Amino acid sequence: MKIVRRVGASPRERGSLSGDSCPDIFELSDGNFAIIGTDATEVLETELPADAARADYERIVIVSRETLIRAKVDIPEV
């Protein structure tokens, strides 16, 4: 599995001057997406709806609204 491309604007394009730690979205060679975001598993796990679950190897990650909105144009329809 490899990163194929960034989805949306880079952190620098979104105003991060240092680029040290910024949310980001990448499309992977297998068609899935990888997300860099803030781990909020402990805070949000108890807030999940009854029909949602998280496996031990999964984390709940927060990505800024701007990151996701600016990625929308690059997310494939299919």
PDB file of N, CA and C in Angstrom:
ATOM      1  N   MET A   1       0.846  -1.165   0.000  1.00  0.00           N
ATOM      2  CA  MET A   1       0.000   0.000   0.000  1.00  0.00           C
ATOM      3  C   MET A   1       0.899   1.239   0.000  1.00  0.00           C
ATOM      4  N   LYS A   2       0.536   2.204  -0.829  1.00  0.00           N
ATOM      5  CA  LYS A   2       1.308   3.443  -0.948  1.00  0.00           C
ATOM      6  C   LYS A   2       0.376   4.634  -1.053  1.00  0.00           C
ATOM      7  N   ILE A   3       0.892   5.801  -0.678  1.00  0.00           N
ATOM      8  CA  ILE A   3       0.149   7.043  -0.875  1.00  0.00           C
ATOM      9  C   ILE A   3       0.251   7.409  -2.351  1.00  0.00           C
ATOM     10  N   VAL A   4      -0.901   7.592  -2.986  1.00  0.00           N
ATOM     11  CA  VAL A   4      -0.954   7.939  -4.400  1.00  0.00           C
ATOM     12  C   VAL A   4      -0.956   9.447  -4.588  1.00  0.00           C
ATOM     13  N   ARG A   5      -1.763  10.140  -3.757  1.00  0.00           N
ATOM     14  CA  ARG A   5      -1.876  11.598  -3.908  1.00  0.00           C
ATOM     15  C   ARG A   5      -2.509  12.216  -2.679  1.00  0.00           C
ATOM     16  N   ARG A   6      -2.296  13.501  -2.521  1.00  0.00           N
ATOM     17  CA  ARG A   6      -2.983  14.277  -1.498  1.00  0.00           C
ATOM     18  C   ARG A   6      -4.374  14.596  -2.031  1.00  0.00           C
ATOM     19  N   VAL A   7      -5.350  14.577  -1.167  1.00  0.00           N
ATOM     20  CA  VAL A   7      -6.713  14.950  -1.527  1.00  0.00           C
ATOM     21  C   VAL A   7      -6.981  16.308  -0.893  1.00  0.00           C
ATOM     22  N   GLY A   8      -7.204  17.298  -1.731  1.00  0.00           N
ATOM     23  CA  GLY A   8      -7.463  18.642  -1.232  1.00  0.00           C
ATOM     24  C   GLY A   8      -6.200  19.472  -1.159  1.00  0.00           C
ATOM     25  N   ALA A   9      -6.319  20.601  -0.504  1.00  0.00           N
ATOM     26  CA  ALA A   9      -5.217  21.559  -0.408  1.00  0.00           C
ATOM     27  C   ALA A   9      -4.189  21.091   0.625  1.00  0.00           C
ATOM     28  N   SER A  10      -2.943  21.419   0.367  1.00  0.00           N
ATOM     29  CA  SER A  10      -1.877  21.088   1.312  1.00  0.00           C
ATOM     30  C   SER A  10      -2.008  21.960   2.564  1.00  0.00           C
ATOM     31  N   PRO A  11      -1.401  21.548   3.669  1.00  0.00           N
ATOM     32  CA  PRO A  11      -1.441  22.394   4.869  1.00  0.00           C
ATOM     33  C   PRO A  11      -0.925  23.809   4.592  1.00  0.00           C
ATOM     34  N   ARG A  12       0.126  23.932   3.806  1.00  0.00           N
ATOM     35  CA  ARG A  12       0.671  25.254   3.473  1.00  0.00           C
ATOM     36  C   ARG A  12      -0.364  26.096   2.729  1.00  0.00           C
ATOM     37  N   GLU A  13      -1.100  25.468   1.791  1.00  0.00           N
ATOM     38  CA  GLU A  13      -2.145  26.184   1.045  1.00  0.00           C
ATOM     39  C   GLU A  13      -3.290  26.604   1.961  1.00  0.00           C
ATOM     40  N   ARG A  14      -3.474  25.880   3.063  1.00  0.00           N
ATOM     41  CA  ARG A  14      -4.531  26.218   4.020  1.00  0.00           C
ATOM     42  C   ARG A  14      -4.041  27.181   5.091  1.00  0.00           C
ATOM     43  N   GLY A  15      -2.794  27.652   4.973  1.00  0.00           N
ATOM     44  CA  GLY A  15      -2.316  28.687   5.873  1.00  0.00           C
ATOM     45  C   GLY A  15      -1.313  28.256   6.921  1.00  0.00           C
ATOM     46  N   SER A  16      -0.926  26.975   6.936  1.00  0.00           N
ATOM     47  CA  SER A  16       0.074  26.533   7.907  1.00  0.00           C
ATOM     48  C   SER A  16       1.458  26.924   7.396  1.00  0.00           C
ATOM     49  N   LEU A  17       2.132  27.752   8.137  1.00  0.00           N
ATOM     50  CA  LEU A  17       3.458  28.202   7.715  1.00  0.00           C
ATOM     51  C   LEU A  17       4.543  27.230   8.138  1.00  0.00           C
ATOM     52  N   SER A  18       4.343  26.533   9.247  1.00  0.00           N
ATOM     53  CA  SER A  18       5.379  25.620   9.728  1.00  0.00           C
ATOM     54  C   SER A  18       5.208  24.218   9.146  1.00  0.00           C
ATOM     55  N   GLY A  19       3.965  23.780   8.956  1.00  0.00           N
ATOM     56  CA  GLY A  19       3.712  22.440   8.437  1.00  0.00           C
ATOM     57  C   GLY A  19       4.075  21.349   9.425  1.00  0.00           C
ATOM     58  N   ASP A  20       4.323  21.716  10.684  1.00  0.00           N
ATOM     59  CA  ASP A  20       4.744  20.736  11.679  1.00  0.00           C
ATOM     60  C   ASP A  20       3.670  19.695  11.986  1.00  0.00           C
ATOM     61  N   SER A  21       2.455  20.139  12.147  1.00  0.00           N
ATOM     62  CA  SER A  21       1.381  19.196  12.460  1.00  0.00           C
ATOM     63  C   SER A  21       0.063  19.756  11.949  1.00  0.00           C
ATOM     64  N   CYS A  22      -0.368  19.239  10.843  1.00  0.00           N
ATOM     65  CA  CYS A  22      -1.589  19.730  10.223  1.00  0.00           C
ATOM     66  C   CYS A  22      -2.407  18.564   9.704  1.00  0.00           C
ATOM     67  N   PRO A  23      -3.739  18.659   9.787  1.00  0.00           N
ATOM     68  CA  PRO A  23      -4.563  17.590   9.239  1.00  0.00           C
ATOM     69  C   PRO A  23      -4.334  17.469   7.737  1.00  0.00           C
ATOM     70  N   ASP A  24      -4.460  16.258   7.242  1.00  0.00           N
ATOM     71  CA  ASP A  24      -4.241  16.009   5.823  1.00  0.00           C
ATOM     72  C   ASP A  24      -5.002  14.756   5.418  1.00  0.00           C
ATOM     73  N   ILE A  25      -5.320  14.636   4.128  1.00  0.00           N
ATOM     74  CA  ILE A  25      -6.039  13.483   3.596  1.00  0.00           C
ATOM     75  C   ILE A  25      -5.271  12.979   2.374  1.00  0.00           C
ATOM     76  N   PHE A  26      -5.079  11.663   2.309  1.00  0.00           N
ATOM     77  CA  PHE A  26      -4.350  11.052   1.200  1.00  0.00           C
ATOM     78  C   PHE A  26      -5.138   9.882   0.622  1.00  0.00           C
ATOM     79  N   GLU A  27      -5.096   9.750  -0.702  1.00  0.00           N
ATOM     80  CA  GLU A  27      -5.670   8.576  -1.354  1.00  0.00           C
ATOM     81  C   GLU A  27      -4.576   7.521  -1.442  1.00  0.00           C
ATOM     82  N   LEU A  28      -4.946   6.280  -1.144  1.00  0.00           N
ATOM     83  CA  LEU A  28      -3.990   5.184  -1.150  1.00  0.00           C
ATOM     84  C   LEU A  28      -4.112   4.342  -2.411  1.00  0.00           C
ATOM     85  N   SER A  29      -3.077   3.588  -2.704  1.00  0.00           N
ATOM     86  CA  SER A  29      -3.038   2.771  -3.918  1.00  0.00           C
ATOM     87  C   SER A  29      -4.147   1.724  -3.960  1.00  0.00           C
ATOM     88  N   ASP A  30      -4.684   1.333  -2.800  1.00  0.00           N
ATOM     89  CA  ASP A  30      -5.769   0.350  -2.785  1.00  0.00           C
ATOM     90  C   ASP A  30      -7.156   1.001  -2.867  1.00  0.00           C
ATOM     91  N   GLY A  31      -7.191   2.342  -3.039  1.00  0.00           N
ATOM     92  CA  GLY A  31      -8.453   3.056  -3.164  1.00  0.00           C
ATOM     93  C   GLY A  31      -8.986   3.608  -1.858  1.00  0.00           C
ATOM     94  N   ASN A  32      -8.414   3.210  -0.731  1.00  0.00           N
ATOM     95  CA  ASN A  32      -8.823   3.752   0.566  1.00  0.00           C
ATOM     96  C   ASN A  32      -8.178   5.107   0.797  1.00  0.00           C
ATOM     97  N   PHE A  33      -8.528   5.735   1.911  1.00  0.00           N
ATOM     98  CA  PHE A  33      -7.981   7.045   2.256  1.00  0.00           C
ATOM     99  C   PHE A  33      -7.314   6.979   3.618  1.00  0.00           C
ATOM    100  N   ALA A  34      -6.235   7.701   3.770  1.00  0.00           N
ATOM    101  CA  ALA A  34      -5.546   7.833   5.050  1.00  0.00           C
ATOM    102  C   ALA A  34      -5.713   9.270   5.525  1.00  0.00           C
ATOM    103  N   ILE A  35      -5.953   9.428   6.818  1.00  0.00           N
ATOM    104  CA  ILE A  35      -6.219  10.734   7.403  1.00  0.00           C
ATOM    105  C   ILE A  35      -5.199  11.035   8.496  1.00  0.00           C
ATOM    106  N   ILE A  36      -4.636  12.233   8.454  1.00  0.00           N
ATOM    107  CA  ILE A  36      -3.856  12.733   9.579  1.00  0.00           C
ATOM    108  C   ILE A  36      -4.763  13.715  10.305  1.00  0.00           C
ATOM    109  N   GLY A  37      -5.033  13.426  11.554  1.00  0.00           N
ATOM    110  CA  GLY A  37      -5.917  14.288  12.328  1.00  0.00           C
ATOM    111  C   GLY A  37      -5.614  14.162  13.809  1.00  0.00           C
ATOM    112  N   THR A  38      -6.425  14.785  14.605  1.00  0.00           N
ATOM    113  CA  THR A  38      -6.258  14.767  16.053  1.00  0.00           C
ATOM    114  C   THR A  38      -7.008  13.571  16.636  1.00  0.00           C
ATOM    115  N   ASP A  39      -6.324  12.741  17.371  1.00  0.00           N
ATOM    116  CA  ASP A  39      -6.944  11.575  17.994  1.00  0.00           C
ATOM    117  C   ASP A  39      -7.920  12.044  19.073  1.00  0.00           C
ATOM    118  N   ALA A  40      -9.187  11.710  18.885  1.00  0.00           N
ATOM    119  CA  ALA A  40     -10.223  12.106  19.843  1.00  0.00           C
ATOM    120  C   ALA A  40     -10.999  10.885  20.328  1.00  0.00           C
ATOM    121  N   THR A  41     -10.383   9.721  20.241  1.00  0.00           N
ATOM    122  CA  THR A  41     -11.066   8.479  20.588  1.00  0.00           C
ATOM    123  C   THR A  41     -11.609   8.505  22.008  1.00  0.00           C
ATOM    124  N   GLU A  42     -10.787   8.857  22.965  1.00  0.00           N
ATOM    125  CA  GLU A  42     -11.227   8.838  24.363  1.00  0.00           C
ATOM    126  C   GLU A  42     -12.373   9.802  24.617  1.00  0.00           C
ATOM    127  N   VAL A  43     -12.341  10.943  23.955  1.00  0.00           N
ATOM    128  CA  VAL A  43     -13.370  11.967  24.182  1.00  0.00           C
ATOM    129  C   VAL A  43     -14.685  11.616  23.492  1.00  0.00           C
ATOM    130  N   LEU A  44     -14.615  11.057  22.287  1.00  0.00           N
ATOM    131  CA  LEU A  44     -15.823  10.864  21.484  1.00  0.00           C
ATOM    132  C   LEU A  44     -16.402   9.456  21.495  1.00  0.00           C
ATOM    133  N   GLU A  45     -15.661   8.479  21.994  1.00  0.00           N
ATOM    134  CA  GLU A  45     -16.151   7.097  21.937  1.00  0.00           C
ATOM    135  C   GLU A  45     -17.502   6.930  22.627  1.00  0.00           C
ATOM    136  N   THR A  46     -17.690   7.560  23.747  1.00  0.00           N
ATOM    137  CA  THR A  46     -18.973   7.435  24.457  1.00  0.00           C
ATOM    138  C   THR A  46     -20.092   8.212  23.762  1.00  0.00           C
ATOM    139  N   GLU A  47     -19.740   9.052  22.796  1.00  0.00           N
ATOM    140  CA  GLU A  47     -20.731   9.844  22.060  1.00  0.00           C
ATOM    141  C   GLU A  47     -21.221   9.138  20.795  1.00  0.00           C
ATOM    142  N   LEU A  48     -20.595   8.012  20.441  1.00  0.00           N
ATOM    143  CA  LEU A  48     -20.995   7.308  19.219  1.00  0.00           C
ATOM    144  C   LEU A  48     -22.446   6.857  19.316  1.00  0.00           C
ATOM    145  N   PRO A  49     -23.183   6.915  18.200  1.00  0.00           N
ATOM    146  CA  PRO A  49     -24.559   6.418  18.201  1.00  0.00           C
ATOM    147  C   PRO A  49     -24.570   4.912  18.485  1.00  0.00           C
ATOM    148  N   ALA A  50     -25.712   4.410  18.890  1.00  0.00           N
ATOM    149  CA  ALA A  50     -25.851   3.003  19.259  1.00  0.00           C
ATOM    150  C   ALA A  50     -25.475   2.051  18.121  1.00  0.00           C
ATOM    151  N   ASP A  51     -25.666   2.474  16.880  1.00  0.00           N
ATOM    152  CA  ASP A  51     -25.371   1.586  15.757  1.00  0.00           C
ATOM    153  C   ASP A  51     -23.958   1.772  15.201  1.00  0.00           C
ATOM    154  N   ALA A  52     -23.087   2.457  15.943  1.00  0.00           N
ATOM    155  CA  ALA A  52     -21.696   2.653  15.526  1.00  0.00           C
ATOM    156  C   ALA A  52     -20.775   1.949  16.524  1.00  0.00           C
ATOM    157  N   ALA A  53     -19.675   1.432  16.008  1.00  0.00           N
ATOM    158  CA  ALA A  53     -18.711   0.746  16.868  1.00  0.00           C
ATOM    159  C   ALA A  53     -17.304   0.997  16.358  1.00  0.00           C
ATOM    160  N   ARG A  54     -16.333   0.799  17.232  1.00  0.00           N
ATOM    161  CA  ARG A  54     -14.930   0.993  16.891  1.00  0.00           C
ATOM    162  C   ARG A  54     -14.163  -0.249  17.298  1.00  0.00           C
ATOM    163  N   ALA A  55     -13.400  -0.806  16.360  1.00  0.00           N
ATOM    164  CA  ALA A  55     -12.548  -1.953  16.672  1.00  0.00           C
ATOM    165  C   ALA A  55     -11.351  -1.468  17.489  1.00  0.00           C
ATOM    166  N   ASP A  56     -10.702  -2.372  18.189  1.00  0.00           N
ATOM    167  CA  ASP A  56      -9.540  -2.011  19.011  1.00  0.00           C
ATOM    168  C   ASP A  56      -8.437  -1.323  18.210  1.00  0.00           C
ATOM    169  N   TYR A  57      -8.300  -1.674  16.941  1.00  0.00           N
ATOM    170  CA  TYR A  57      -7.242  -1.101  16.101  1.00  0.00           C
ATOM    171  C   TYR A  57      -7.665   0.203  15.417  1.00  0.00           C
ATOM    172  N   GLU A  58      -8.896   0.649  15.631  1.00  0.00           N
ATOM    173  CA  GLU A  58      -9.399   1.882  15.014  1.00  0.00           C
ATOM    174  C   GLU A  58      -9.371   3.040  16.009  1.00  0.00           C
ATOM    175  N   ARG A  59      -9.213   4.244  15.462  1.00  0.00           N
ATOM    176  CA  ARG A  59      -9.211   5.461  16.265  1.00  0.00           C
ATOM    177  C   ARG A  59     -10.232   6.427  15.676  1.00  0.00           C
ATOM    178  N   ILE A  60     -10.804   7.281  16.503  1.00  0.00           N
ATOM    179  CA  ILE A  60     -11.682   8.358  16.051  1.00  0.00           C
ATOM    180  C   ILE A  60     -10.794   9.581  15.879  1.00  0.00           C
ATOM    181  N   VAL A  61     -10.786  10.126  14.670  1.00  0.00           N
ATOM    182  CA  VAL A  61      -9.873  11.214  14.341  1.00  0.00           C
ATOM    183  C   VAL A  61     -10.664  12.440  13.916  1.00  0.00           C
ATOM    184  N   ILE A  62     -10.258  13.595  14.419  1.00  0.00           N
ATOM    185  CA  ILE A  62     -10.870  14.861  14.017  1.00  0.00           C
ATOM    186  C   ILE A  62     -10.025  15.502  12.923  1.00  0.00           C
ATOM    187  N   VAL A  63     -10.702  15.902  11.857  1.00  0.00           N
ATOM    188  CA  VAL A  63     -10.071  16.651  10.773  1.00  0.00           C
ATOM    189  C   VAL A  63     -10.819  17.974  10.683  1.00  0.00           C
ATOM    190  N   SER A  64     -10.092  19.043  10.523  1.00  0.00           N
ATOM    191  CA  SER A  64     -10.750  20.349  10.497  1.00  0.00           C
ATOM    192  C   SER A  64     -11.762  20.444   9.358  1.00  0.00           C
ATOM    193  N   ARG A  65     -12.771  21.238   9.574  1.00  0.00           N
ATOM    194  CA  ARG A  65     -13.811  21.456   8.559  1.00  0.00           C
ATOM    195  C   ARG A  65     -13.195  21.950   7.256  1.00  0.00           C
ATOM    196  N   GLU A  66     -12.271  22.910   7.354  1.00  0.00           N
ATOM    197  CA  GLU A  66     -11.631  23.462   6.162  1.00  0.00           C
ATOM    198  C   GLU A  66     -10.899  22.378   5.363  1.00  0.00           C
ATOM    199  N   THR A  67     -10.205  21.483   6.060  1.00  0.00           N
ATOM    200  CA  THR A  67      -9.479  20.404   5.389  1.00  0.00           C
ATOM    201  C   THR A  67     -10.438  19.546   4.576  1.00  0.00           C
ATOM    202  N   LEU A  68     -11.533  19.144   5.176  1.00  0.00           N
ATOM    203  CA  LEU A  68     -12.482  18.270   4.489  1.00  0.00           C
ATOM    204  C   LEU A  68     -13.204  18.988   3.356  1.00  0.00           C
ATOM    205  N   ILE A  69     -13.619  20.221   3.585  1.00  0.00           N
ATOM    206  CA  ILE A  69     -14.317  20.975   2.541  1.00  0.00           C
ATOM    207  C   ILE A  69     -13.401  21.195   1.338  1.00  0.00           C
ATOM    208  N   ARG A  70     -12.137  21.523   1.594  1.00  0.00           N
ATOM    209  CA  ARG A  70     -11.214  21.766   0.484  1.00  0.00           C
ATOM    210  C   ARG A  70     -10.815  20.473  -0.214  1.00  0.00           C
ATOM    211  N   ALA A  71     -11.036  19.332   0.427  1.00  0.00           N
ATOM    212  CA  ALA A  71     -10.749  18.040  -0.197  1.00  0.00           C
ATOM    213  C   ALA A  71     -11.912  17.556  -1.061  1.00  0.00           C
ATOM    214  N   LYS A  72     -13.081  18.088  -0.828  1.00  0.00           N
ATOM    215  CA  LYS A  72     -14.296  17.616  -1.505  1.00  0.00           C
ATOM    216  C   LYS A  72     -14.139  17.558  -3.028  1.00  0.00           C
ATOM    217  N   VAL A  73     -13.523  18.542  -3.619  1.00  0.00           N
ATOM    218  CA  VAL A  73     -13.393  18.581  -5.083  1.00  0.00           C
ATOM    219  C   VAL A  73     -12.502  17.465  -5.603  1.00  0.00           C
ATOM    220  N   ASP A  74     -11.630  16.917  -4.774  1.00  0.00           N
ATOM    221  CA  ASP A  74     -10.707  15.867  -5.207  1.00  0.00           C
ATOM    222  C   ASP A  74     -11.171  14.456  -4.861  1.00  0.00           C
ATOM    223  N   ILE A  75     -12.281  14.328  -4.135  1.00  0.00           N
ATOM    224  CA  ILE A  75     -12.768  13.009  -3.748  1.00  0.00           C
ATOM    225  C   ILE A  75     -13.575  12.435  -4.910  1.00  0.00           C
ATOM    226  N   PRO A  76     -13.183  11.238  -5.387  1.00  0.00           N
ATOM    227  CA  PRO A  76     -13.889  10.652  -6.529  1.00  0.00           C
ATOM    228  C   PRO A  76     -15.349  10.313  -6.188  1.00  0.00           C
ATOM    229  N   GLU A  77     -16.193  10.363  -7.185  1.00  0.00           N
ATOM    230  CA  GLU A  77     -17.611  10.014  -7.011  1.00  0.00           C
ATOM    231  C   GLU A  77     -17.791   8.519  -6.845  1.00  0.00           C
ATOM    232  N   VAL A  78     -16.938   7.739  -7.440  1.00  0.00           N
ATOM    233  CA  VAL A  78     -17.046   6.278  -7.411  1.00  0.00           C
ATOM    234  C   VAL A  78     -15.790   5.666  -6.876  1.00  0.00           C
TER     235      VAL A  78
END
